[in-house]
Every structure is written in C-alpha cells, then in structure tokens.
N, C-alpha and C. Protein backbone atom coordinates (compact mmCIF):
# COMPACT_ATOMS: atom_id res chain seq x y z
N UNK A 1 135.88 157.92 201.78
CA UNK A 1 136.66 159.13 201.56
C UNK A 1 136.87 159.37 200.07
N UNK A 2 137.01 160.64 199.71
CA UNK A 2 137.25 160.98 198.31
C UNK A 2 138.68 160.65 197.93
N UNK A 3 138.86 160.22 196.71
CA UNK A 3 140.18 159.95 196.18
C UNK A 3 140.41 160.88 195.01
N UNK A 4 141.58 161.52 194.96
CA UNK A 4 141.83 162.51 193.91
C UNK A 4 142.88 161.98 192.95
N UNK A 5 142.56 162.02 191.66
CA UNK A 5 143.53 161.71 190.63
C UNK A 5 143.81 162.98 189.82
N UNK A 6 145.00 163.05 189.29
CA UNK A 6 145.30 164.15 188.39
C UNK A 6 144.72 163.84 187.02
N UNK A 7 143.91 164.77 186.52
CA UNK A 7 143.41 164.63 185.15
C UNK A 7 144.52 165.05 184.21
N UNK A 8 144.86 164.21 183.22
CA UNK A 8 145.98 164.53 182.33
C UNK A 8 145.86 165.94 181.74
N UNK A 9 146.95 166.72 181.91
CA UNK A 9 147.00 168.05 181.33
C UNK A 9 146.32 169.12 182.16
N UNK A 10 145.79 168.79 183.33
CA UNK A 10 145.06 169.79 184.11
C UNK A 10 145.80 170.23 185.35
N UNK A 11 147.01 169.65 185.61
CA UNK A 11 147.73 170.00 186.83
C UNK A 11 147.28 169.14 187.98
N UNK A 12 147.98 169.25 189.09
CA UNK A 12 147.72 168.36 190.22
C UNK A 12 146.38 168.64 190.90
N UNK A 13 145.49 167.71 190.75
CA UNK A 13 144.21 167.70 191.47
C UNK A 13 143.35 168.93 191.22
N UNK A 14 143.45 169.52 190.03
CA UNK A 14 142.55 170.64 189.73
C UNK A 14 141.16 170.14 189.39
N UNK A 15 141.05 168.89 188.95
CA UNK A 15 139.75 168.26 188.71
C UNK A 15 139.68 167.01 189.56
N UNK A 16 138.62 166.88 190.34
CA UNK A 16 138.52 165.74 191.24
C UNK A 16 137.47 164.74 190.73
N UNK A 17 137.84 163.48 190.80
CA UNK A 17 136.93 162.40 190.48
C UNK A 17 136.76 161.56 191.75
N UNK A 18 135.55 161.33 192.14
CA UNK A 18 135.30 160.60 193.37
C UNK A 18 135.01 159.14 193.03
N UNK A 19 135.86 158.27 193.58
CA UNK A 19 135.80 156.86 193.22
C UNK A 19 134.77 156.13 194.05
N UNK A 20 134.45 154.92 193.64
CA UNK A 20 133.61 154.03 194.42
C UNK A 20 134.21 152.63 194.30
N UNK A 21 134.12 151.83 195.37
CA UNK A 21 134.69 150.48 195.32
C UNK A 21 134.00 149.63 194.27
N UNK A 22 134.80 148.86 193.57
CA UNK A 22 134.25 147.93 192.57
C UNK A 22 135.16 146.72 192.49
N UNK A 23 134.61 145.56 192.14
CA UNK A 23 135.42 144.34 192.08
C UNK A 23 136.27 144.30 190.82
N UNK A 24 137.22 143.38 190.82
CA UNK A 24 138.01 143.15 189.61
C UNK A 24 137.15 142.53 188.53
N UNK A 25 136.23 141.67 188.95
CA UNK A 25 135.32 141.02 188.01
C UNK A 25 134.16 140.38 188.75
N UNK A 26 133.03 140.22 188.08
CA UNK A 26 131.86 139.55 188.66
C UNK A 26 130.94 139.10 187.53
N UNK A 27 131.26 137.96 186.95
CA UNK A 27 130.48 137.42 185.84
C UNK A 27 130.89 135.97 185.63
N UNK A 28 129.98 135.09 185.23
CA UNK A 28 128.56 135.36 185.00
C UNK A 28 127.76 135.15 186.28
N UNK A 29 126.49 135.52 186.22
CA UNK A 29 125.53 135.24 187.28
C UNK A 29 124.51 134.25 186.74
N UNK A 30 124.41 133.08 187.36
CA UNK A 30 123.44 132.08 186.94
C UNK A 30 122.57 131.72 188.13
N UNK A 31 121.27 131.83 187.99
CA UNK A 31 120.35 131.51 189.07
C UNK A 31 119.37 130.44 188.62
N UNK A 32 119.13 129.48 189.50
CA UNK A 32 118.10 128.48 189.24
C UNK A 32 116.74 129.05 189.60
N UNK A 33 115.70 128.55 188.94
CA UNK A 33 114.34 129.04 189.14
C UNK A 33 113.46 127.93 189.69
N UNK A 34 112.65 128.26 190.69
CA UNK A 34 111.75 127.29 191.33
C UNK A 34 110.35 127.88 191.34
N UNK A 35 109.31 127.05 191.46
CA UNK A 35 107.94 127.58 191.51
C UNK A 35 107.77 128.56 192.68
N UNK A 36 107.02 129.62 192.44
CA UNK A 36 106.78 130.63 193.47
C UNK A 36 105.54 130.28 194.27
N UNK A 37 105.64 130.44 195.59
CA UNK A 37 104.51 130.18 196.48
C UNK A 37 104.19 131.42 197.29
N UNK A 38 102.92 131.57 197.66
CA UNK A 38 102.50 132.71 198.46
C UNK A 38 103.14 132.69 199.84
N UNK A 39 103.42 133.87 200.34
CA UNK A 39 103.95 133.99 201.69
C UNK A 39 102.93 133.49 202.71
N UNK A 40 103.41 132.86 203.77
CA UNK A 40 102.53 132.37 204.83
C UNK A 40 102.22 133.52 205.78
N UNK A 41 100.98 133.97 205.78
CA UNK A 41 100.58 135.09 206.64
C UNK A 41 99.60 134.70 207.74
N UNK A 42 98.98 133.53 207.62
CA UNK A 42 98.04 133.05 208.64
C UNK A 42 98.38 131.60 208.96
N UNK A 43 99.42 131.37 209.75
CA UNK A 43 99.91 130.01 210.00
C UNK A 43 98.86 129.12 210.65
N UNK A 44 98.83 127.85 210.22
CA UNK A 44 97.97 126.85 210.85
C UNK A 44 98.74 125.57 211.15
N UNK A 45 100.05 125.60 210.94
CA UNK A 45 100.92 124.48 211.24
C UNK A 45 102.25 125.03 211.77
N UNK A 46 103.16 124.10 212.19
CA UNK A 46 104.52 124.46 212.59
C UNK A 46 105.49 123.54 211.86
N UNK A 47 106.51 124.15 211.27
CA UNK A 47 107.53 123.38 210.55
C UNK A 47 108.34 122.55 211.54
N UNK A 48 108.84 121.40 211.08
CA UNK A 48 109.64 120.55 211.93
C UNK A 48 111.00 121.15 212.25
N UNK A 49 111.67 120.62 213.28
CA UNK A 49 112.98 121.13 213.67
C UNK A 49 114.02 120.79 212.60
N UNK A 50 115.10 121.58 212.46
CA UNK A 50 115.47 122.68 213.34
C UNK A 50 114.82 124.00 212.94
N UNK A 51 114.24 124.08 211.77
CA UNK A 51 113.58 125.30 211.31
C UNK A 51 112.13 125.30 211.76
N UNK A 52 111.94 125.40 213.05
CA UNK A 52 110.61 125.25 213.65
C UNK A 52 109.83 126.57 213.63
N UNK A 53 109.48 127.00 212.43
CA UNK A 53 108.76 128.26 212.26
C UNK A 53 107.30 127.98 211.91
N UNK A 54 106.42 128.94 212.18
CA UNK A 54 105.01 128.77 211.77
C UNK A 54 104.91 128.56 210.27
N UNK A 55 103.95 127.74 209.84
CA UNK A 55 103.77 127.43 208.42
C UNK A 55 102.30 127.39 208.06
N UNK A 56 102.04 127.38 206.75
CA UNK A 56 100.66 127.37 206.25
C UNK A 56 100.42 126.11 205.42
N UNK A 57 99.31 125.46 205.69
CA UNK A 57 98.90 124.26 204.96
C UNK A 57 97.51 124.51 204.37
N UNK A 58 97.32 124.28 203.05
CA UNK A 58 98.29 123.77 202.08
C UNK A 58 99.08 124.90 201.44
N UNK A 59 100.22 124.58 200.79
CA UNK A 59 100.94 125.62 200.04
C UNK A 59 100.10 126.12 198.88
N UNK A 60 100.24 127.40 198.55
CA UNK A 60 99.48 128.00 197.44
C UNK A 60 100.44 128.61 196.42
N UNK A 61 100.42 128.10 195.19
CA UNK A 61 101.25 128.69 194.14
C UNK A 61 100.83 130.13 193.87
N UNK A 62 101.82 131.00 193.65
CA UNK A 62 101.53 132.41 193.41
C UNK A 62 100.89 132.64 192.06
N UNK A 63 101.25 131.85 191.06
CA UNK A 63 100.69 132.03 189.71
C UNK A 63 99.27 131.51 189.64
N UNK A 64 98.40 132.32 189.08
CA UNK A 64 97.03 131.88 188.85
C UNK A 64 96.85 131.17 187.54
N UNK A 65 97.92 131.16 186.69
CA UNK A 65 97.77 130.64 185.33
C UNK A 65 98.67 129.45 185.01
N UNK A 66 99.86 129.40 185.62
CA UNK A 66 100.86 128.42 185.19
C UNK A 66 101.28 127.50 186.31
N UNK A 67 101.78 126.33 185.91
CA UNK A 67 102.34 125.38 186.85
C UNK A 67 103.36 124.53 186.12
N UNK A 68 103.93 123.55 186.81
CA UNK A 68 104.84 122.58 186.22
C UNK A 68 104.38 121.19 186.65
N UNK A 69 104.86 120.16 185.96
CA UNK A 69 104.48 118.81 186.30
C UNK A 69 105.07 118.36 187.63
N UNK A 70 104.27 117.63 188.40
CA UNK A 70 104.73 117.05 189.66
C UNK A 70 103.77 115.92 190.00
N UNK A 71 104.25 114.67 190.02
CA UNK A 71 103.34 113.53 190.12
C UNK A 71 102.48 113.53 191.38
N UNK A 72 103.03 113.99 192.52
CA UNK A 72 102.25 113.98 193.75
C UNK A 72 101.30 115.16 193.85
N UNK A 73 101.44 116.14 192.95
CA UNK A 73 100.56 117.31 192.98
C UNK A 73 99.51 117.30 191.89
N UNK A 74 99.90 116.88 190.66
CA UNK A 74 98.94 116.93 189.55
C UNK A 74 99.02 115.71 188.63
N UNK A 75 99.84 114.73 188.96
CA UNK A 75 99.90 113.51 188.19
C UNK A 75 100.86 113.52 187.02
N UNK A 76 101.38 114.69 186.64
CA UNK A 76 102.34 114.77 185.54
C UNK A 76 103.76 114.55 186.08
N UNK A 77 104.63 114.07 185.22
CA UNK A 77 106.01 113.80 185.63
C UNK A 77 106.74 115.10 186.00
N UNK A 78 107.70 114.99 186.91
CA UNK A 78 108.49 116.15 187.31
C UNK A 78 109.65 116.35 186.32
N UNK A 79 109.43 117.16 185.31
CA UNK A 79 110.41 117.35 184.24
C UNK A 79 110.91 118.79 184.12
N UNK A 80 110.54 119.64 185.04
CA UNK A 80 110.85 121.06 184.87
C UNK A 80 112.22 121.42 185.44
N UNK A 81 112.96 122.20 184.67
CA UNK A 81 114.19 122.85 185.12
C UNK A 81 114.19 124.26 184.55
N UNK A 82 114.69 125.20 185.32
CA UNK A 82 114.71 126.58 184.84
C UNK A 82 115.91 127.34 185.35
N UNK A 83 116.41 128.24 184.53
CA UNK A 83 117.51 129.10 184.97
C UNK A 83 117.50 130.40 184.19
N UNK A 84 118.15 131.40 184.77
CA UNK A 84 118.42 132.66 184.09
C UNK A 84 119.91 132.94 184.28
N UNK A 85 120.57 133.33 183.20
CA UNK A 85 122.02 133.54 183.24
C UNK A 85 122.35 134.90 182.64
N UNK A 86 123.21 135.65 183.34
CA UNK A 86 123.63 136.98 182.90
C UNK A 86 125.15 136.99 182.82
N UNK A 87 125.69 137.42 181.69
CA UNK A 87 127.14 137.44 181.51
C UNK A 87 127.62 138.72 180.87
N UNK A 88 128.75 139.22 181.34
CA UNK A 88 129.32 140.46 180.81
C UNK A 88 130.02 140.19 179.48
N UNK A 89 129.74 141.01 178.49
CA UNK A 89 130.43 140.98 177.20
C UNK A 89 131.32 142.21 177.14
N UNK A 90 132.63 142.00 177.21
CA UNK A 90 133.58 143.12 177.21
C UNK A 90 133.90 143.48 175.76
N UNK A 91 133.55 144.69 175.38
CA UNK A 91 133.78 145.11 174.00
C UNK A 91 135.21 145.57 173.76
N UNK A 92 135.58 145.65 172.51
CA UNK A 92 136.90 146.16 172.13
C UNK A 92 136.86 147.69 172.14
N UNK A 93 137.81 148.35 172.84
CA UNK A 93 137.81 149.82 172.91
C UNK A 93 137.88 150.45 171.52
N UNK A 94 137.13 151.52 171.35
CA UNK A 94 137.12 152.22 170.07
C UNK A 94 136.18 151.57 169.08
N UNK A 95 135.79 152.37 168.08
CA UNK A 95 134.91 151.83 167.06
C UNK A 95 133.50 151.63 167.56
N UNK A 96 132.86 150.55 167.11
CA UNK A 96 131.48 150.29 167.44
C UNK A 96 131.34 149.96 168.92
N UNK A 97 130.22 150.36 169.52
CA UNK A 97 129.92 150.05 170.91
C UNK A 97 129.47 148.59 171.00
N UNK A 98 130.41 147.70 171.40
CA UNK A 98 130.07 146.28 171.46
C UNK A 98 130.11 145.72 172.88
N UNK A 99 130.17 146.59 173.89
CA UNK A 99 130.01 146.13 175.27
C UNK A 99 128.54 145.78 175.50
N UNK A 100 128.28 144.75 176.29
CA UNK A 100 126.89 144.33 176.48
C UNK A 100 126.80 143.35 177.65
N UNK A 101 125.60 142.95 177.98
CA UNK A 101 125.35 141.91 178.97
C UNK A 101 124.46 140.86 178.31
N UNK A 102 124.95 139.63 178.23
CA UNK A 102 124.15 138.55 177.64
C UNK A 102 123.11 138.09 178.64
N UNK A 103 121.94 137.72 178.13
CA UNK A 103 120.83 137.25 178.96
C UNK A 103 120.29 135.97 178.34
N UNK A 104 120.35 134.89 179.10
CA UNK A 104 119.85 133.60 178.64
C UNK A 104 118.84 133.07 179.65
N UNK A 105 117.67 132.69 179.16
CA UNK A 105 116.63 132.14 180.03
C UNK A 105 116.12 130.85 179.42
N UNK A 106 115.93 129.84 180.24
CA UNK A 106 115.36 128.58 179.75
C UNK A 106 114.58 127.92 180.88
N UNK A 107 113.28 127.69 180.64
CA UNK A 107 112.42 127.03 181.62
C UNK A 107 111.64 125.94 180.88
N UNK A 108 111.73 124.72 181.35
CA UNK A 108 111.07 123.60 180.69
C UNK A 108 109.82 123.15 181.45
N UNK A 109 108.97 122.42 180.75
CA UNK A 109 107.75 121.83 181.30
C UNK A 109 106.81 122.87 181.90
N UNK A 110 106.56 123.93 181.14
CA UNK A 110 105.65 124.98 181.57
C UNK A 110 104.24 124.64 181.07
N UNK A 111 103.28 124.59 181.99
CA UNK A 111 101.94 124.11 181.67
C UNK A 111 100.87 125.09 182.15
N UNK A 112 99.73 125.07 181.46
CA UNK A 112 98.57 125.79 181.98
C UNK A 112 98.14 125.13 183.29
N UNK A 113 97.79 125.96 184.25
CA UNK A 113 97.42 125.43 185.57
C UNK A 113 96.14 124.60 185.49
N UNK A 114 95.22 125.02 184.64
CA UNK A 114 93.98 124.28 184.43
C UNK A 114 94.13 123.38 183.21
N UNK A 115 94.08 122.08 183.40
CA UNK A 115 94.17 121.14 182.29
C UNK A 115 95.56 120.62 181.99
N UNK A 116 96.60 121.34 182.45
CA UNK A 116 98.00 120.94 182.29
C UNK A 116 98.49 120.88 180.85
N UNK A 117 97.79 121.54 179.93
CA UNK A 117 98.25 121.59 178.54
C UNK A 117 99.50 122.48 178.42
N UNK A 118 100.26 122.28 177.34
CA UNK A 118 101.42 123.12 177.07
C UNK A 118 101.01 124.59 177.01
N UNK A 119 101.82 125.45 177.64
CA UNK A 119 101.54 126.89 177.64
C UNK A 119 102.19 127.53 176.42
N UNK A 120 101.44 128.35 175.70
CA UNK A 120 101.97 128.94 174.46
C UNK A 120 102.01 130.47 174.50
N UNK A 121 101.91 131.05 175.67
CA UNK A 121 101.97 132.50 175.79
C UNK A 121 103.37 133.00 176.07
N UNK A 122 103.47 134.05 176.88
CA UNK A 122 104.75 134.65 177.23
C UNK A 122 104.94 134.61 178.75
N UNK A 123 106.19 134.67 179.17
CA UNK A 123 106.53 134.95 180.55
C UNK A 123 107.50 136.13 180.56
N UNK A 124 107.66 136.73 181.71
CA UNK A 124 108.55 137.90 181.80
C UNK A 124 109.51 137.71 182.97
N UNK A 125 110.79 137.66 182.66
CA UNK A 125 111.82 137.54 183.69
C UNK A 125 112.23 138.95 184.11
N UNK A 126 112.30 139.18 185.41
CA UNK A 126 112.64 140.52 185.88
C UNK A 126 113.39 140.41 187.20
N UNK A 127 114.05 141.49 187.57
CA UNK A 127 114.76 141.56 188.84
C UNK A 127 114.96 143.02 189.22
N UNK A 128 115.12 143.26 190.51
CA UNK A 128 115.46 144.60 190.95
C UNK A 128 116.85 144.96 190.46
N UNK A 129 117.06 146.24 190.15
CA UNK A 129 118.34 146.68 189.59
C UNK A 129 118.75 148.01 190.23
N UNK A 130 119.95 148.02 190.80
CA UNK A 130 120.54 149.23 191.36
C UNK A 130 121.90 149.43 190.70
N UNK A 131 122.04 150.50 189.93
CA UNK A 131 123.24 150.73 189.12
C UNK A 131 124.10 151.81 189.76
N UNK A 132 125.39 151.52 189.90
CA UNK A 132 126.38 152.52 190.30
C UNK A 132 127.41 152.61 189.19
N UNK A 133 127.56 153.82 188.61
CA UNK A 133 128.48 153.97 187.49
C UNK A 133 128.94 155.42 187.37
N UNK A 134 129.56 155.74 186.24
CA UNK A 134 130.06 157.10 185.98
C UNK A 134 129.38 157.71 184.76
N UNK A 135 128.09 157.58 184.71
CA UNK A 135 127.34 158.11 183.56
C UNK A 135 126.24 159.03 184.08
N UNK A 136 126.58 159.93 184.99
CA UNK A 136 125.58 160.76 185.64
C UNK A 136 125.90 162.24 185.49
N UNK A 137 124.87 163.08 185.68
CA UNK A 137 125.04 164.52 185.56
C UNK A 137 124.98 164.99 184.12
N UNK A 138 125.02 166.30 183.94
CA UNK A 138 124.95 166.86 182.59
C UNK A 138 126.10 166.40 181.71
N UNK A 139 127.26 166.20 182.32
CA UNK A 139 128.42 165.76 181.55
C UNK A 139 128.39 164.28 181.24
N UNK A 140 127.49 163.54 181.91
CA UNK A 140 127.45 162.08 181.79
C UNK A 140 128.81 161.47 182.09
N UNK A 141 129.50 162.05 183.08
CA UNK A 141 130.83 161.57 183.45
C UNK A 141 131.02 161.53 184.96
N UNK A 142 129.94 161.74 185.71
CA UNK A 142 130.04 161.77 187.16
C UNK A 142 129.57 160.45 187.76
N UNK A 143 130.22 160.02 188.88
CA UNK A 143 129.77 158.79 189.53
C UNK A 143 128.46 159.00 190.26
N UNK A 144 127.65 157.96 190.32
CA UNK A 144 126.37 158.05 191.02
C UNK A 144 125.71 156.70 191.10
N UNK A 145 124.74 156.59 191.99
CA UNK A 145 123.92 155.39 192.11
C UNK A 145 122.50 155.73 191.68
N UNK A 146 121.98 154.98 190.74
CA UNK A 146 120.65 155.22 190.18
C UNK A 146 119.58 154.74 191.15
N UNK A 147 118.45 155.42 191.19
CA UNK A 147 117.32 154.93 191.97
C UNK A 147 116.94 153.53 191.51
N UNK A 148 116.49 152.72 192.44
CA UNK A 148 116.16 151.33 192.12
C UNK A 148 115.12 151.24 191.01
N UNK A 149 115.35 150.32 190.11
CA UNK A 149 114.42 150.08 189.01
C UNK A 149 114.36 148.58 188.75
N UNK A 150 113.76 148.17 187.66
CA UNK A 150 113.72 146.76 187.27
C UNK A 150 114.19 146.63 185.83
N UNK A 151 114.51 145.39 185.43
CA UNK A 151 114.94 145.14 184.05
C UNK A 151 114.17 143.93 183.53
N UNK A 152 112.95 144.14 183.01
CA UNK A 152 112.13 143.02 182.53
C UNK A 152 112.53 142.57 181.13
N UNK A 153 112.46 141.26 180.92
CA UNK A 153 112.75 140.66 179.62
C UNK A 153 111.60 139.72 179.27
N UNK A 154 110.96 139.94 178.14
CA UNK A 154 109.86 139.09 177.69
C UNK A 154 110.40 137.83 177.03
N UNK A 155 109.87 136.67 177.46
CA UNK A 155 110.35 135.38 176.98
C UNK A 155 109.19 134.61 176.34
N UNK A 156 109.31 134.19 175.08
CA UNK A 156 108.24 133.41 174.42
C UNK A 156 108.28 131.95 174.87
N UNK A 157 107.12 131.31 174.84
CA UNK A 157 107.01 129.89 175.20
C UNK A 157 106.45 129.11 174.01
N UNK A 158 106.95 127.92 173.80
CA UNK A 158 106.52 127.10 172.67
C UNK A 158 106.32 125.66 173.11
N UNK A 159 105.36 124.99 172.49
CA UNK A 159 105.07 123.60 172.82
C UNK A 159 106.21 122.69 172.41
N UNK A 160 106.25 121.50 173.00
CA UNK A 160 107.23 120.49 172.62
C UNK A 160 106.50 119.31 171.96
N UNK A 161 107.26 118.48 171.28
CA UNK A 161 106.67 117.31 170.63
C UNK A 161 106.34 116.22 171.64
N UNK A 162 106.96 116.30 172.80
CA UNK A 162 106.75 115.26 173.82
C UNK A 162 105.37 115.37 174.45
N UNK A 163 104.79 114.23 174.75
CA UNK A 163 103.50 114.21 175.44
C UNK A 163 103.66 114.22 176.94
N UNK A 164 104.89 114.15 177.42
CA UNK A 164 105.14 114.10 178.86
C UNK A 164 105.84 115.35 179.39
N UNK A 165 106.22 116.24 178.49
CA UNK A 165 106.89 117.48 178.90
C UNK A 165 106.12 118.66 178.32
N UNK A 166 105.87 119.65 179.17
CA UNK A 166 105.14 120.84 178.73
C UNK A 166 106.01 121.75 177.88
N UNK A 167 105.61 122.97 177.74
CA UNK A 167 106.29 123.93 176.86
C UNK A 167 107.67 124.32 177.39
N UNK A 168 108.46 124.89 176.49
CA UNK A 168 109.75 125.45 176.83
C UNK A 168 109.68 126.97 176.62
N UNK A 169 110.02 127.72 177.66
CA UNK A 169 110.10 129.18 177.58
C UNK A 169 111.58 129.53 177.52
N UNK A 170 112.02 130.13 176.42
CA UNK A 170 113.46 130.28 176.21
C UNK A 170 113.78 131.53 175.41
N UNK A 171 114.91 132.16 175.75
CA UNK A 171 115.39 133.30 174.97
C UNK A 171 116.89 133.44 175.19
N UNK A 172 117.59 133.91 174.17
CA UNK A 172 119.00 134.28 174.27
C UNK A 172 119.13 135.67 173.66
N UNK A 173 119.38 136.66 174.49
CA UNK A 173 119.39 138.04 174.02
C UNK A 173 120.45 138.82 174.79
N UNK A 174 120.42 140.13 174.70
CA UNK A 174 121.36 140.97 175.43
C UNK A 174 120.62 142.18 176.00
N UNK A 175 121.27 142.83 176.97
CA UNK A 175 120.67 144.01 177.58
C UNK A 175 120.46 145.12 176.55
N UNK A 176 121.43 145.32 175.67
CA UNK A 176 121.30 146.36 174.65
C UNK A 176 120.18 146.05 173.66
N UNK A 177 119.92 144.78 173.41
CA UNK A 177 118.82 144.42 172.51
C UNK A 177 117.48 144.70 173.17
N UNK A 178 117.40 144.54 174.49
CA UNK A 178 116.16 144.81 175.21
C UNK A 178 115.97 146.30 175.43
N UNK A 179 117.01 146.97 175.89
CA UNK A 179 116.98 148.43 176.10
C UNK A 179 118.22 149.00 175.41
N UNK A 180 118.09 149.48 174.18
CA UNK A 180 119.26 149.98 173.44
C UNK A 180 120.04 151.03 174.21
N UNK A 181 121.38 150.86 174.25
CA UNK A 181 122.24 151.82 174.92
C UNK A 181 122.36 151.63 176.41
N UNK A 182 121.82 150.55 176.95
CA UNK A 182 121.86 150.36 178.40
C UNK A 182 123.23 149.95 178.92
N UNK A 183 124.10 149.45 178.02
CA UNK A 183 125.46 149.06 178.42
C UNK A 183 126.46 149.78 177.50
N UNK A 184 126.74 151.07 177.76
CA UNK A 184 127.66 151.80 176.89
C UNK A 184 129.10 151.36 177.08
N UNK A 185 129.88 151.47 176.04
CA UNK A 185 131.27 151.04 176.05
C UNK A 185 132.12 151.94 176.94
N UNK A 186 133.12 151.34 177.59
CA UNK A 186 134.11 152.01 178.46
C UNK A 186 133.47 152.77 179.62
N UNK A 187 132.28 152.38 180.02
CA UNK A 187 131.61 153.00 181.17
C UNK A 187 131.35 151.91 182.21
N UNK A 188 132.33 151.70 183.07
CA UNK A 188 132.21 150.60 184.03
C UNK A 188 131.00 150.81 184.93
N UNK A 189 130.34 149.71 185.27
CA UNK A 189 129.12 149.78 186.07
C UNK A 189 129.07 148.62 187.06
N UNK A 190 128.53 148.90 188.23
CA UNK A 190 128.19 147.86 189.19
C UNK A 190 126.68 147.70 189.16
N UNK A 191 126.21 146.54 188.74
CA UNK A 191 124.77 146.25 188.70
C UNK A 191 124.43 145.33 189.87
N UNK A 192 123.71 145.85 190.86
CA UNK A 192 123.22 145.02 191.96
C UNK A 192 121.87 144.44 191.57
N UNK A 193 121.73 143.12 191.74
CA UNK A 193 120.49 142.43 191.38
C UNK A 193 119.66 142.13 192.62
N UNK A 194 118.36 142.38 192.53
CA UNK A 194 117.44 141.82 193.50
C UNK A 194 117.08 140.41 193.06
N UNK A 195 116.16 139.78 193.78
CA UNK A 195 115.79 138.41 193.44
C UNK A 195 115.18 138.33 192.04
N UNK A 196 115.67 137.40 191.25
CA UNK A 196 115.13 137.17 189.91
C UNK A 196 113.79 136.46 190.03
N UNK A 197 112.79 136.97 189.33
CA UNK A 197 111.47 136.33 189.34
C UNK A 197 110.91 136.27 187.93
N UNK A 198 109.92 135.40 187.75
CA UNK A 198 109.31 135.19 186.43
C UNK A 198 107.80 135.38 186.58
N UNK A 199 107.26 136.34 185.86
CA UNK A 199 105.82 136.58 185.86
C UNK A 199 105.14 135.82 184.73
N UNK A 200 103.93 135.34 184.98
CA UNK A 200 103.17 134.70 183.91
C UNK A 200 102.53 135.74 183.00
N UNK A 201 101.86 135.29 181.97
CA UNK A 201 101.20 136.20 181.03
C UNK A 201 99.73 136.41 181.32
N UNK A 202 99.26 135.92 182.48
CA UNK A 202 97.85 136.08 182.82
C UNK A 202 96.95 135.23 181.94
N UNK A 203 95.67 135.56 181.95
CA UNK A 203 94.68 134.77 181.23
C UNK A 203 94.88 134.81 179.72
N UNK A 204 95.41 135.92 179.18
CA UNK A 204 95.58 136.03 177.73
C UNK A 204 96.98 135.64 177.26
N UNK A 205 97.88 135.32 178.19
CA UNK A 205 99.22 134.89 177.81
C UNK A 205 100.16 136.01 177.43
N UNK A 206 99.73 137.27 177.58
CA UNK A 206 100.55 138.42 177.18
C UNK A 206 101.06 139.16 178.40
N UNK A 207 102.37 139.35 178.48
CA UNK A 207 102.93 140.03 179.64
C UNK A 207 102.66 141.54 179.62
N UNK A 208 102.27 142.05 178.46
CA UNK A 208 102.00 143.48 178.33
C UNK A 208 100.65 143.89 178.90
N UNK A 209 99.80 142.91 179.20
CA UNK A 209 98.49 143.20 179.77
C UNK A 209 98.38 142.53 181.14
N UNK A 210 97.57 143.08 182.00
CA UNK A 210 97.41 142.51 183.34
C UNK A 210 96.01 141.94 183.51
N UNK A 211 95.77 141.34 184.68
CA UNK A 211 96.78 141.15 185.75
C UNK A 211 97.64 139.91 185.49
N UNK A 212 98.93 140.02 185.86
CA UNK A 212 99.84 138.89 185.78
C UNK A 212 100.35 138.55 187.18
N UNK A 213 100.73 137.33 187.39
CA UNK A 213 101.18 136.89 188.70
C UNK A 213 102.54 136.21 188.60
N UNK A 214 103.18 136.00 189.75
CA UNK A 214 104.54 135.44 189.77
C UNK A 214 104.47 133.93 189.61
N UNK A 215 105.19 133.43 188.62
CA UNK A 215 105.22 132.00 188.32
C UNK A 215 106.42 131.30 188.97
N UNK A 216 107.58 131.92 188.91
CA UNK A 216 108.80 131.30 189.44
C UNK A 216 109.71 132.35 190.05
N UNK A 217 110.57 131.89 190.96
CA UNK A 217 111.53 132.79 191.59
C UNK A 217 112.90 132.11 191.70
N UNK A 218 113.89 132.93 191.88
CA UNK A 218 115.25 132.45 192.11
C UNK A 218 115.27 131.59 193.38
N UNK A 219 115.87 130.40 193.28
CA UNK A 219 115.94 129.54 194.44
C UNK A 219 116.62 128.22 194.12
N UNK A 220 116.53 127.27 195.03
CA UNK A 220 117.09 125.95 194.84
C UNK A 220 116.05 124.90 195.22
N UNK A 221 116.19 123.71 194.67
CA UNK A 221 115.34 122.58 195.03
C UNK A 221 116.21 121.52 195.70
N UNK A 222 115.78 121.04 196.87
CA UNK A 222 116.51 120.03 197.62
C UNK A 222 115.72 118.72 197.54
N UNK A 223 116.17 117.72 196.79
CA UNK A 223 115.41 116.47 196.63
C UNK A 223 115.25 115.72 197.96
C-alpha cells in the first residue's frame, strides 16, 4: 500500500511519496569462493544418501584456463582460499559525496590449468544486481527498481615468491571507483545480489577479451 507523508511546506499530502520496505542495516556481505564446476546434465552415477540425486562422473571444472592446487587432483598442495567482501561506507551529509561501497577480493593459489604455473593475468568478479532506490524519473527523486544488471570488477593477479603457492588475485577498491557516481550521497538503496562468480581471463589473461569462462563461485567447502 502507498504511504503518504507531508512534504514540508506543501500542506497535508499534496505531494505523495511511495515508500518501499528496507532494513535498518545490511552490511557487510562476505562470501567465500570455491572452484566452479559444470552443471550435471547427463548423469551416469547417483549421489549417496541422504542427497540421493543423479550425478556426473568425473566432475568438470568450468574454467578452461585456471585451477587451484589439490594433491589428489593435480599433485599440488591445497593452499587456495578466496573471498569477496562488500561493505557500506556511510558518508557525512553535505559537502563532498563520500558515500560508497567498499569492495575487497582476495583469492590465493591461482594457477594455469596447464602446467600449474602461477597465473599472471586478470580475473573478473561479478554478480547479479537489482537496485531499488529513489533515484528514478526525470526528477531523479522517485522510487523504483532497476532492471537486473551486473557489477563486474577487474582483479589483477600476481605471482608469489613461494614455490608451493600459486598467484594471488587481489584488489581493494570501491563501487564509485569502478563506476563513478554509482553510490550517490543521501540516496538510500537496496542492492540485491545474485550469486558472486569469478571469470577467468581466457587464453590471453585479459577479461576484456573473450572467450572467458567461470573460475570460481560463491559457496562453501566442507572438509
């Protein structure tokens, strides 16, 4: 239902603002990253109970270019950990626009799939994004929900001095640094996230050229 507030100086309910539910707070969001595998579409096995669903053997990594160490899979030690973290930066009202969303990504032991050497290209962290806010219409003051989009962030990867750990892909940035003006001050927003995923850089290591494939996705690992 619509909710009516009196706009100061305009009389009772001469201007209507239609509200939308929003939380008191929701920050930060931290997601762990695990290797991405292809969906099972032609089952040739059955998973054990209690999750007795059709399964595919062998598992196939989605990335055609990248992998991580795993002794039972490729002989390298299991040293990889990855996460993506998003946090709200509440700016001071007035003056410079300092509201923002911090973005931190760190993935360790990233290796070329062929040869297992340290990967020195780029990866791209992205997720589905559905925004509900009050920055819509000609006045840029009306509430609305934006059509679904994505928010990709390019992350550089660098070798490590260790001979047992692959490259580290890492970045600490903000939404405004990636897309200037994406988090305007005093404009509250609800950002719904789809699953966070990480694309590889393909054969040339560049996320700006294709084809690229999914290297990691939001998930958990159960030892």
